[in-house]
């Protein structure tokens, strides 16, 4: 591991990327309301998550999948890593595992539009049209609800 100019630990690959340096800095900030054990687990999860993103960028989906799994082991509720894992599994044509992962996201965050959109796409790929349409409808309704909430919050 290397350290950037701000003392943040970065992987050698991410050391060359200003965008990843910024992400690393943001991720290292202590979040209010989170105890140190949770913060440490999240930091570890984020380190593996960013390594996975580097592997995805290089087209190394098996290696990315391994890093996503490590990220989720560190923080089982880190939905960003779960989304990445679902996509890597999709790219590896492991559709049943991708569906299970996307369902897990929807269990953790029932209002996650992307989880339902991903499920719709995955079901389409498996020719499960009724299920795909059902998940697509859930995603649309959630999106509308979120849009209406934003509008009402902005007016109040």
C-alpha atoms as a PDB file:
ATOM      1  CA  UNK A   1       0.000   0.000   0.000  1.00  0.00           C
ATOM      2  CA  UNK A   2       0.991   3.568  -0.624  1.00  0.00           C
ATOM      3  CA  UNK A   3      -0.059   6.839   0.936  1.00  0.00           C
ATOM      4  CA  UNK A   4      -1.136   9.882  -1.002  1.00  0.00           C
ATOM      5  CA  UNK A   5      -0.151  13.457  -0.159  1.00  0.00           C
ATOM      6  CA  UNK A   6      -2.892  13.673   2.474  1.00  0.00           C
ATOM      7  CA  UNK A   7      -1.752  10.580   4.354  1.00  0.00           C
ATOM      8  CA  UNK A   8      -4.604   8.420   3.075  1.00  0.00           C
ATOM      9  CA  UNK A   9      -3.708   4.837   2.320  1.00  0.00           C
ATOM     10  CA  UNK A  10      -4.365   3.974  -1.344  1.00  0.00           C
ATOM     11  CA  UNK A  11      -3.587   1.032  -3.568  1.00  0.00           C
ATOM     12  CA  UNK A  12      -0.797   1.605  -6.107  1.00  0.00           C
ATOM     13  CA  UNK A  13      -3.343   1.633  -8.948  1.00  0.00           C
ATOM     14  CA  UNK A  14      -5.612   4.151  -7.223  1.00  0.00           C
ATOM     15  CA  UNK A  15      -2.647   6.328  -6.253  1.00  0.00           C
ATOM     16  CA  UNK A  16      -2.535   7.538  -9.858  1.00  0.00           C
ATOM     17  CA  UNK A  17      -6.228   8.398  -9.966  1.00  0.00           C
ATOM     18  CA  UNK A  18      -7.238  11.766  -8.479  1.00  0.00           C
ATOM     19  CA  UNK A  19     -10.879  10.647  -8.536  1.00  0.00           C
ATOM     20  CA  UNK A  20     -10.072   7.584  -6.427  1.00  0.00           C
ATOM     21  CA  UNK A  21      -7.929   9.677  -4.080  1.00  0.00           C
ATOM     22  CA  UNK A  22     -10.907  11.939  -3.472  1.00  0.00           C
ATOM     23  CA  UNK A  23     -13.132   8.909  -2.866  1.00  0.00           C
ATOM     24  CA  UNK A  24     -10.609   7.477  -0.441  1.00  0.00           C
ATOM     25  CA  UNK A  25     -10.463  10.749   1.467  1.00  0.00           C
ATOM     26  CA  UNK A  26     -14.236  10.908   1.716  1.00  0.00           C
ATOM     27  CA  UNK A  27     -14.421   7.278   2.837  1.00  0.00           C
ATOM     28  CA  UNK A  28     -11.836   7.822   5.573  1.00  0.00           C
ATOM     29  CA  UNK A  29     -13.816  10.617   7.198  1.00  0.00           C
ATOM     30  CA  UNK A  30     -15.377   9.598  10.490  1.00  0.00           C
ATOM     31  CA  UNK A  31     -19.137   9.478  10.094  1.00  0.00           C
ATOM     32  CA  UNK A  32     -21.160  10.947  12.949  1.00  0.00           C
ATOM     33  CA  UNK A  33     -23.323   8.459  14.798  1.00  0.00           C
ATOM     34  CA  UNK A  34     -21.182   5.445  13.863  1.00  0.00           C
ATOM     35  CA  UNK A  35     -19.043   3.824  16.534  1.00  0.00           C
ATOM     36  CA  UNK A  36     -15.382   3.042  15.857  1.00  0.00           C
ATOM     37  CA  UNK A  37     -15.940  -0.702  15.314  1.00  0.00           C
ATOM     38  CA  UNK A  38     -18.582   0.026  12.673  1.00  0.00           C
ATOM     39  CA  UNK A  39     -16.333   2.684  11.131  1.00  0.00           C
ATOM     40  CA  UNK A  40     -13.405   0.256  10.948  1.00  0.00           C
ATOM     41  CA  UNK A  41     -15.605  -2.430   9.362  1.00  0.00           C
ATOM     42  CA  UNK A  42     -16.914   0.069   6.817  1.00  0.00           C
ATOM     43  CA  UNK A  43     -13.392   1.285   6.018  1.00  0.00           C
ATOM     44  CA  UNK A  44     -12.270  -2.289   5.426  1.00  0.00           C
ATOM     45  CA  UNK A  45     -15.351  -2.914   3.278  1.00  0.00           C
ATOM     46  CA  UNK A  46     -14.655   0.223   1.259  1.00  0.00           C
ATOM     47  CA  UNK A  47     -11.015  -0.740   0.674  1.00  0.00           C
ATOM     48  CA  UNK A  48     -12.127  -4.031  -0.865  1.00  0.00           C
ATOM     49  CA  UNK A  49     -14.924  -2.280  -2.757  1.00  0.00           C
ATOM     50  CA  UNK A  50     -12.492   0.159  -4.414  1.00  0.00           C
ATOM     51  CA  UNK A  51     -10.129  -2.692  -5.292  1.00  0.00           C
ATOM     52  CA  UNK A  52     -13.085  -4.466  -6.889  1.00  0.00           C
ATOM     53  CA  UNK A  53     -13.870  -1.354  -8.939  1.00  0.00           C
ATOM     54  CA  UNK A  54     -10.277  -1.314 -10.200  1.00  0.00           C
ATOM     55  CA  UNK A  55     -10.622  -4.943 -11.276  1.00  0.00           C
ATOM     56  CA  UNK A  56     -13.931  -4.210 -13.017  1.00  0.00           C
ATOM     57  CA  UNK A  57     -12.274  -1.347 -14.898  1.00  0.00           C
ATOM     58  CA  UNK A  58      -9.651  -3.841 -16.086  1.00  0.00           C
ATOM     59  CA  UNK A  59     -12.303  -6.416 -17.072  1.00  0.00           C
ATOM     60  CA  UNK A  60     -11.151  -8.818 -14.338  1.00  0.00           C
ATOM     61  CA  UNK A  61     -14.600  -9.857 -13.095  1.00  0.00           C
ATOM     62  CA  UNK A  62     -13.489 -12.945 -11.143  1.00  0.00           C
ATOM     63  CA  UNK A  63     -10.975 -10.891  -9.192  1.00  0.00           C
ATOM     64  CA  UNK A  64     -13.572  -8.150  -8.700  1.00  0.00           C
ATOM     65  CA  UNK A  65     -16.051 -10.720  -7.411  1.00  0.00           C
ATOM     66  CA  UNK A  66     -13.525 -11.934  -4.829  1.00  0.00           C
ATOM     67  CA  UNK A  67     -13.015  -8.347  -3.603  1.00  0.00           C
ATOM     68  CA  UNK A  68     -16.763  -7.687  -3.473  1.00  0.00           C
ATOM     69  CA  UNK A  69     -17.159 -10.808  -1.326  1.00  0.00           C
ATOM     70  CA  UNK A  70     -14.460  -9.561   1.051  1.00  0.00           C
ATOM     71  CA  UNK A  71     -16.165  -6.176   1.202  1.00  0.00           C
ATOM     72  CA  UNK A  72     -19.503  -7.751   2.086  1.00  0.00           C
ATOM     73  CA  UNK A  73     -17.850 -10.003   4.664  1.00  0.00           C
ATOM     74  CA  UNK A  74     -16.541  -6.860   6.372  1.00  0.00           C
ATOM     75  CA  UNK A  75     -19.903  -5.062   6.160  1.00  0.00           C
ATOM     76  CA  UNK A  76     -22.874  -7.254   5.166  1.00  0.00           C
ATOM     77  CA  UNK A  77     -25.141  -4.204   4.724  1.00  0.00           C
ATOM     78  CA  UNK A  78     -22.853  -2.316   2.320  1.00  0.00           C
ATOM     79  CA  UNK A  79     -25.271  -2.151  -0.589  1.00  0.00           C
ATOM     80  CA  UNK A  80     -22.796  -0.481  -2.962  1.00  0.00           C
ATOM     81  CA  UNK A  81     -20.652  -3.621  -2.792  1.00  0.00           C
ATOM     82  CA  UNK A  82     -23.715  -5.821  -3.181  1.00  0.00           C
ATOM     83  CA  UNK A  83     -24.721  -3.887  -6.313  1.00  0.00           C
ATOM     84  CA  UNK A  84     -21.214  -4.319  -7.701  1.00  0.00           C
ATOM     85  CA  UNK A  85     -21.249  -7.999  -6.877  1.00  0.00           C
ATOM     86  CA  UNK A  86     -24.621  -8.491  -8.582  1.00  0.00           C
ATOM     87  CA  UNK A  87     -23.282  -6.804 -11.717  1.00  0.00           C
ATOM     88  CA  UNK A  88     -20.048  -8.830 -11.693  1.00  0.00           C
ATOM     89  CA  UNK A  89     -22.075 -12.020 -11.326  1.00  0.00           C
ATOM     90  CA  UNK A  90     -24.262 -10.901 -14.231  1.00  0.00           C
ATOM     91  CA  UNK A  91     -21.166 -10.255 -16.371  1.00  0.00           C
ATOM     92  CA  UNK A  92     -19.905 -13.737 -15.455  1.00  0.00           C
ATOM     93  CA  UNK A  93     -23.326 -15.144 -16.484  1.00  0.00           C
ATOM     94  CA  UNK A  94     -23.951 -16.437 -12.958  1.00  0.00           C
ATOM     95  CA  UNK A  95     -27.531 -15.231 -13.096  1.00  0.00           C
ATOM     96  CA  UNK A  96     -28.987 -17.235 -10.198  1.00  0.00           C
ATOM     97  CA  UNK A  97     -26.320 -15.880  -7.853  1.00  0.00           C
ATOM     98  CA  UNK A  98     -26.826 -12.369  -9.224  1.00  0.00           C
ATOM     99  CA  UNK A  99     -30.575 -12.642  -8.580  1.00  0.00           C
ATOM    100  CA  UNK A 100     -29.967 -13.827  -5.011  1.00  0.00           C
ATOM    101  CA  UNK A 101     -27.626 -10.878  -4.447  1.00  0.00           C
ATOM    102  CA  UNK A 102     -30.091  -8.349  -5.871  1.00  0.00           C
ATOM    103  CA  UNK A 103     -32.849  -9.830  -3.682  1.00  0.00           C
ATOM    104  CA  UNK A 104     -30.581  -9.363  -0.676  1.00  0.00           C
ATOM    105  CA  UNK A 105     -30.191  -5.680  -1.540  1.00  0.00           C
ATOM    106  CA  UNK A 106     -33.974  -5.318  -1.738  1.00  0.00           C
ATOM    107  CA  UNK A 107     -34.285  -6.971   1.684  1.00  0.00           C
ATOM    108  CA  UNK A 108     -31.739  -4.575   3.203  1.00  0.00           C
ATOM    109  CA  UNK A 109     -33.234  -1.519   1.490  1.00  0.00           C
ATOM    110  CA  UNK A 110     -36.749  -2.146   0.124  1.00  0.00           C
ATOM    111  CA  UNK A 111     -36.770   1.356  -1.418  1.00  0.00           C
ATOM    112  CA  UNK A 112     -33.650   0.739  -3.530  1.00  0.00           C
ATOM    113  CA  UNK A 113     -34.846   1.355  -7.090  1.00  0.00           C
ATOM    114  CA  UNK A 114     -31.677  -0.057  -8.616  1.00  0.00           C
ATOM    115  CA  UNK A 115     -32.134  -3.393  -6.811  1.00  0.00           C
ATOM    116  CA  UNK A 116     -35.533  -3.863  -8.429  1.00  0.00           C
ATOM    117  CA  UNK A 117     -34.267  -2.632 -11.803  1.00  0.00           C
ATOM    118  CA  UNK A 118     -31.391  -5.121 -11.596  1.00  0.00           C
ATOM    119  CA  UNK A 119     -33.800  -7.915 -10.715  1.00  0.00           C
ATOM    120  CA  UNK A 120     -35.924  -6.995 -13.729  1.00  0.00           C
ATOM    121  CA  UNK A 121     -32.913  -7.163 -16.059  1.00  0.00           C
ATOM    122  CA  UNK A 122     -31.705 -10.428 -14.549  1.00  0.00           C
ATOM    123  CA  UNK A 123     -35.125 -12.044 -14.828  1.00  0.00           C
ATOM    124  CA  UNK A 124     -35.310 -10.911 -18.462  1.00  0.00           C
ATOM    125  CA  UNK A 125     -31.977 -12.581 -19.148  1.00  0.00           C
ATOM    126  CA  UNK A 126     -33.413 -15.809 -17.697  1.00  0.00           C
ATOM    127  CA  UNK A 127     -36.578 -15.385 -19.809  1.00  0.00           C
ATOM    128  CA  UNK A 128     -38.667 -15.044 -16.641  1.00  0.00           C
ATOM    129  CA  UNK A 129     -40.877 -12.374 -18.169  1.00  0.00           C
ATOM    130  CA  UNK A 130     -43.611 -12.171 -15.513  1.00  0.00           C
ATOM    131  CA  UNK A 131     -41.030 -11.749 -12.739  1.00  0.00           C
ATOM    132  CA  UNK A 132     -39.111  -9.196 -14.829  1.00  0.00           C
ATOM    133  CA  UNK A 133     -42.248  -7.139 -15.387  1.00  0.00           C
ATOM    134  CA  UNK A 134     -43.164  -7.318 -11.699  1.00  0.00           C
ATOM    135  CA  UNK A 135     -39.744  -6.041 -10.608  1.00  0.00           C
ATOM    136  CA  UNK A 136     -39.757  -3.375 -13.324  1.00  0.00           C
ATOM    137  CA  UNK A 137     -43.115  -2.145 -12.015  1.00  0.00           C
ATOM    138  CA  UNK A 138     -41.783  -2.074  -8.441  1.00  0.00           C
ATOM    139  CA  UNK A 139     -38.814   0.007  -9.602  1.00  0.00           C
ATOM    140  CA  UNK A 140     -41.050   2.460 -11.461  1.00  0.00           C
ATOM    141  CA  UNK A 141     -43.433   2.894  -8.516  1.00  0.00           C
ATOM    142  CA  UNK A 142     -40.538   3.407  -6.088  1.00  0.00           C
ATOM    143  CA  UNK A 143     -39.016   5.959  -8.452  1.00  0.00           C
ATOM    144  CA  UNK A 144     -42.292   7.850  -8.679  1.00  0.00           C
ATOM    145  CA  UNK A 145     -42.704   7.816  -4.893  1.00  0.00           C
ATOM    146  CA  UNK A 146     -39.172   9.145  -4.422  1.00  0.00           C
ATOM    147  CA  UNK A 147     -39.752  11.851  -7.014  1.00  0.00           C
ATOM    148  CA  UNK A 148     -43.018  12.926  -5.349  1.00  0.00           C
ATOM    149  CA  UNK A 149     -41.330  12.997  -1.946  1.00  0.00           C
ATOM    150  CA  UNK A 150     -38.554  15.236  -3.285  1.00  0.00           C
ATOM    151  CA  UNK A 151     -41.133  17.575  -4.784  1.00  0.00           C
ATOM    152  CA  UNK A 152     -43.178  17.777  -1.583  1.00  0.00           C
ATOM    153  CA  UNK A 153     -40.033  18.269   0.543  1.00  0.00           C
ATOM    154  CA  UNK A 154     -38.953  21.111  -1.730  1.00  0.00           C
ATOM    155  CA  UNK A 155     -42.292  22.895  -1.420  1.00  0.00           C
ATOM    156  CA  UNK A 156     -42.658  22.587   2.345  1.00  0.00           C
END
